[in-house]
Amino acid sequence: MYLAEGSIDAAFRFLERAEQTIKGLSLFPASGAPFPSRHPELTGVRTKLVKDFPNHVVFYVERDDAIEFIRVLRGGQDVSIEVEKI
């Protein structure tokens, strides 16, 4: 993890905030924004910024009885290309 290379404290803070974000999505799954994509296999994918880390995005799909968390990406990456690899 790149955050850990700069600061182990930042890495632990990120992990804590990512967990908070994911727990929040488990309670309010519609709070994330739809991920715009031309690829039909990505229909239904939603995104939510990691709390206090606006360059990191959680990707997930709301299912009938669960939430499937797909990936967390740093916003500086070409997000469209990375998500299409799923």
N, C-alpha and C. Protein backbone atom coordinates (compact mmCIF):
# COMPACT_ATOMS: atom_id res chain seq x y z
N MET A 1 0.85 -1.17 0.00
CA MET A 1 0.00 0.00 0.00
C MET A 1 0.89 1.23 0.00
N TYR A 2 0.66 2.14 -0.91
CA TYR A 2 1.47 3.34 -1.06
C TYR A 2 1.41 4.25 0.16
N LEU A 3 0.28 4.31 0.83
CA LEU A 3 0.16 5.16 2.02
C LEU A 3 1.15 4.73 3.09
N ALA A 4 1.36 3.44 3.24
CA ALA A 4 2.25 2.92 4.26
C ALA A 4 3.70 3.30 3.99
N GLU A 5 4.05 3.49 2.71
CA GLU A 5 5.42 3.89 2.39
C GLU A 5 5.73 5.29 2.91
N GLY A 6 4.72 6.15 2.90
CA GLY A 6 4.92 7.52 3.39
C GLY A 6 4.72 7.65 4.88
N SER A 7 3.76 6.89 5.42
CA SER A 7 3.44 7.00 6.83
C SER A 7 2.57 5.82 7.26
N ILE A 8 3.07 5.06 8.19
CA ILE A 8 2.28 3.93 8.69
C ILE A 8 1.03 4.44 9.40
N ASP A 9 1.12 5.62 10.04
CA ASP A 9 -0.05 6.21 10.69
C ASP A 9 -1.13 6.55 9.66
N ALA A 10 -0.71 7.08 8.51
CA ALA A 10 -1.68 7.40 7.45
C ALA A 10 -2.32 6.12 6.93
N ALA A 11 -1.56 5.06 6.85
CA ALA A 11 -2.11 3.78 6.37
C ALA A 11 -3.16 3.25 7.36
N PHE A 12 -2.88 3.33 8.64
CA PHE A 12 -3.86 2.88 9.64
C PHE A 12 -5.10 3.78 9.64
N ARG A 13 -4.90 5.10 9.46
CA ARG A 13 -6.03 6.02 9.37
C ARG A 13 -6.89 5.70 8.16
N PHE A 14 -6.23 5.40 7.04
CA PHE A 14 -6.97 5.03 5.82
C PHE A 14 -7.79 3.76 6.06
N LEU A 15 -7.19 2.76 6.65
CA LEU A 15 -7.89 1.51 6.91
C LEU A 15 -9.12 1.76 7.79
N GLU A 16 -8.95 2.56 8.82
CA GLU A 16 -10.07 2.88 9.72
C GLU A 16 -11.19 3.60 8.96
N ARG A 17 -10.83 4.59 8.15
CA ARG A 17 -11.83 5.35 7.38
C ARG A 17 -12.49 4.49 6.31
N ALA A 18 -11.72 3.62 5.68
CA ALA A 18 -12.31 2.73 4.67
C ALA A 18 -13.32 1.80 5.33
N GLU A 19 -12.99 1.26 6.49
CA GLU A 19 -13.93 0.41 7.22
C GLU A 19 -15.19 1.18 7.61
N GLN A 20 -15.03 2.43 8.06
CA GLN A 20 -16.19 3.25 8.41
C GLN A 20 -17.08 3.49 7.18
N THR A 21 -16.44 3.77 6.06
CA THR A 21 -17.18 4.01 4.82
C THR A 21 -17.96 2.77 4.40
N ILE A 22 -17.32 1.62 4.47
CA ILE A 22 -17.97 0.37 4.09
C ILE A 22 -19.10 0.03 5.04
N LYS A 23 -18.89 0.23 6.33
CA LYS A 23 -19.98 -0.01 7.30
C LYS A 23 -21.16 0.92 7.03
N GLY A 24 -20.87 2.18 6.70
CA GLY A 24 -21.93 3.12 6.37
C GLY A 24 -22.71 2.69 5.14
N LEU A 25 -22.01 2.16 4.15
CA LEU A 25 -22.68 1.67 2.95
C LEU A 25 -23.54 0.45 3.25
N SER A 26 -23.12 -0.35 4.20
CA SER A 26 -23.93 -1.52 4.54
C SER A 26 -25.26 -1.09 5.16
N LEU A 27 -25.30 0.07 5.80
CA LEU A 27 -26.53 0.60 6.37
C LEU A 27 -27.35 1.41 5.36
N PHE A 28 -26.65 2.14 4.49
CA PHE A 28 -27.30 3.01 3.51
C PHE A 28 -26.68 2.80 2.13
N PRO A 29 -26.95 1.66 1.49
CA PRO A 29 -26.29 1.34 0.22
C PRO A 29 -26.59 2.31 -0.92
N ALA A 30 -27.73 2.96 -0.87
CA ALA A 30 -28.08 3.89 -1.96
C ALA A 30 -27.36 5.22 -1.83
N SER A 31 -26.55 5.40 -0.77
CA SER A 31 -25.87 6.68 -0.58
C SER A 31 -24.72 6.88 -1.56
N GLY A 32 -24.26 5.82 -2.19
CA GLY A 32 -23.21 5.94 -3.19
C GLY A 32 -23.80 6.38 -4.53
N ALA A 33 -22.94 6.89 -5.38
CA ALA A 33 -23.37 7.36 -6.70
C ALA A 33 -23.21 6.25 -7.74
N PRO A 34 -24.12 6.21 -8.71
CA PRO A 34 -23.96 5.23 -9.80
C PRO A 34 -22.66 5.50 -10.56
N PHE A 35 -21.97 4.45 -10.94
CA PHE A 35 -20.74 4.57 -11.71
C PHE A 35 -21.09 4.58 -13.20
N PRO A 36 -20.83 5.69 -13.88
CA PRO A 36 -21.17 5.76 -15.30
C PRO A 36 -20.22 4.90 -16.13
N SER A 37 -20.78 4.04 -16.94
CA SER A 37 -19.97 3.17 -17.79
C SER A 37 -20.77 2.76 -19.01
N ARG A 38 -20.06 2.57 -20.11
CA ARG A 38 -20.70 2.10 -21.34
C ARG A 38 -20.74 0.58 -21.38
N HIS A 39 -20.13 -0.06 -20.42
CA HIS A 39 -20.04 -1.51 -20.41
C HIS A 39 -21.21 -2.12 -19.64
N PRO A 40 -22.02 -2.93 -20.30
CA PRO A 40 -23.20 -3.50 -19.63
C PRO A 40 -22.87 -4.32 -18.39
N GLU A 41 -21.71 -4.95 -18.36
CA GLU A 41 -21.37 -5.78 -17.20
C GLU A 41 -21.10 -4.93 -15.96
N LEU A 42 -20.97 -3.62 -16.13
CA LEU A 42 -20.76 -2.74 -14.98
C LEU A 42 -22.04 -2.03 -14.55
N THR A 43 -23.16 -2.43 -15.13
CA THR A 43 -24.45 -1.87 -14.74
C THR A 43 -24.70 -2.17 -13.26
N GLY A 44 -25.09 -1.17 -12.53
CA GLY A 44 -25.37 -1.35 -11.11
C GLY A 44 -24.21 -1.04 -10.19
N VAL A 45 -23.01 -0.84 -10.75
CA VAL A 45 -21.86 -0.51 -9.90
C VAL A 45 -22.05 0.91 -9.37
N ARG A 46 -21.78 1.08 -8.09
CA ARG A 46 -21.90 2.37 -7.42
C ARG A 46 -20.56 2.72 -6.78
N THR A 47 -20.38 4.00 -6.46
CA THR A 47 -19.13 4.45 -5.86
C THR A 47 -19.40 5.32 -4.64
N LYS A 48 -18.42 5.33 -3.77
CA LYS A 48 -18.47 6.19 -2.58
C LYS A 48 -17.04 6.54 -2.22
N LEU A 49 -16.79 7.83 -1.97
CA LEU A 49 -15.46 8.25 -1.55
C LEU A 49 -15.20 7.75 -0.14
N VAL A 50 -13.96 7.37 0.11
CA VAL A 50 -13.56 6.96 1.46
C VAL A 50 -13.52 8.21 2.33
N LYS A 51 -14.17 8.14 3.49
CA LYS A 51 -14.25 9.27 4.41
C LYS A 51 -12.84 9.81 4.72
N ASP A 52 -12.67 11.12 4.55
CA ASP A 52 -11.42 11.84 4.82
C ASP A 52 -10.30 11.51 3.83
N PHE A 53 -10.56 10.69 2.83
CA PHE A 53 -9.58 10.36 1.80
C PHE A 53 -10.25 10.54 0.43
N PRO A 54 -10.45 11.80 0.01
CA PRO A 54 -11.25 12.06 -1.19
C PRO A 54 -10.64 11.54 -2.49
N ASN A 55 -9.41 11.06 -2.46
CA ASN A 55 -8.81 10.48 -3.66
C ASN A 55 -8.97 8.97 -3.73
N HIS A 56 -9.71 8.39 -2.79
CA HIS A 56 -9.90 6.94 -2.76
C HIS A 56 -11.39 6.63 -2.87
N VAL A 57 -11.71 5.69 -3.73
CA VAL A 57 -13.10 5.40 -4.07
C VAL A 57 -13.41 3.92 -3.83
N VAL A 58 -14.53 3.66 -3.16
CA VAL A 58 -15.03 2.29 -2.97
C VAL A 58 -16.01 1.99 -4.11
N PHE A 59 -15.84 0.86 -4.76
CA PHE A 59 -16.75 0.40 -5.81
C PHE A 59 -17.52 -0.80 -5.27
N TYR A 60 -18.84 -0.79 -5.48
CA TYR A 60 -19.66 -1.86 -4.94
C TYR A 60 -20.93 -2.02 -5.75
N VAL A 61 -21.60 -3.15 -5.53
CA VAL A 61 -22.89 -3.43 -6.17
C VAL A 61 -23.87 -3.82 -5.07
N GLU A 62 -25.04 -3.22 -5.12
CA GLU A 62 -26.09 -3.57 -4.17
C GLU A 62 -26.84 -4.77 -4.73
N ARG A 63 -26.87 -5.86 -3.99
CA ARG A 63 -27.60 -7.07 -4.37
C ARG A 63 -28.90 -7.14 -3.58
N ASP A 64 -29.77 -8.09 -3.90
CA ASP A 64 -31.04 -8.22 -3.18
C ASP A 64 -30.84 -8.42 -1.69
N ASP A 65 -29.86 -9.25 -1.32
CA ASP A 65 -29.68 -9.59 0.08
C ASP A 65 -28.29 -9.27 0.62
N ALA A 66 -27.51 -8.49 -0.14
CA ALA A 66 -26.14 -8.21 0.29
C ALA A 66 -25.56 -7.04 -0.52
N ILE A 67 -24.42 -6.59 -0.08
CA ILE A 67 -23.65 -5.61 -0.83
C ILE A 67 -22.35 -6.28 -1.20
N GLU A 68 -22.01 -6.25 -2.46
CA GLU A 68 -20.76 -6.83 -2.93
C GLU A 68 -19.75 -5.70 -3.13
N PHE A 69 -18.73 -5.67 -2.28
CA PHE A 69 -17.69 -4.67 -2.41
C PHE A 69 -16.66 -5.20 -3.39
N ILE A 70 -16.44 -4.42 -4.43
CA ILE A 70 -15.62 -4.88 -5.54
C ILE A 70 -14.16 -4.49 -5.38
N ARG A 71 -13.96 -3.20 -5.08
CA ARG A 71 -12.59 -2.72 -5.08
C ARG A 71 -12.53 -1.33 -4.46
N VAL A 72 -11.36 -0.97 -3.95
CA VAL A 72 -11.08 0.40 -3.53
C VAL A 72 -9.91 0.86 -4.39
N LEU A 73 -10.11 2.01 -5.06
CA LEU A 73 -9.06 2.54 -5.93
C LEU A 73 -8.70 3.95 -5.54
N ARG A 74 -7.44 4.29 -5.81
CA ARG A 74 -6.99 5.66 -5.65
C ARG A 74 -7.43 6.44 -6.89
N GLY A 75 -8.03 7.59 -6.69
CA GLY A 75 -8.60 8.38 -7.78
C GLY A 75 -7.60 8.83 -8.83
N GLY A 76 -6.32 8.86 -8.52
CA GLY A 76 -5.31 9.27 -9.49
C GLY A 76 -5.12 8.24 -10.58
N GLN A 77 -5.59 7.02 -10.36
CA GLN A 77 -5.49 5.99 -11.37
C GLN A 77 -6.56 6.22 -12.42
N ASP A 78 -6.39 5.61 -13.58
CA ASP A 78 -7.46 5.67 -14.58
C ASP A 78 -8.54 4.71 -14.12
N VAL A 79 -9.50 5.25 -13.40
CA VAL A 79 -10.51 4.46 -12.73
C VAL A 79 -11.30 3.60 -13.71
N SER A 80 -11.67 4.15 -14.85
CA SER A 80 -12.46 3.39 -15.83
C SER A 80 -11.74 2.11 -16.26
N ILE A 81 -10.46 2.23 -16.54
CA ILE A 81 -9.68 1.06 -16.97
C ILE A 81 -9.57 0.05 -15.85
N GLU A 82 -9.30 0.52 -14.62
CA GLU A 82 -9.14 -0.39 -13.49
C GLU A 82 -10.45 -1.12 -13.16
N VAL A 83 -11.56 -0.42 -13.19
CA VAL A 83 -12.85 -1.06 -12.87
C VAL A 83 -13.23 -2.05 -13.95
N GLU A 84 -12.91 -1.77 -15.19
CA GLU A 84 -13.24 -2.68 -16.28
C GLU A 84 -12.45 -3.99 -16.18
N LYS A 85 -11.39 -4.02 -15.40
CA LYS A 85 -10.62 -5.24 -15.21
C LYS A 85 -11.34 -6.23 -14.29
N ILE A 86 -12.36 -5.79 -13.59
CA ILE A 86 -13.06 -6.61 -12.61
C ILE A 86 -13.70 -7.81 -13.27
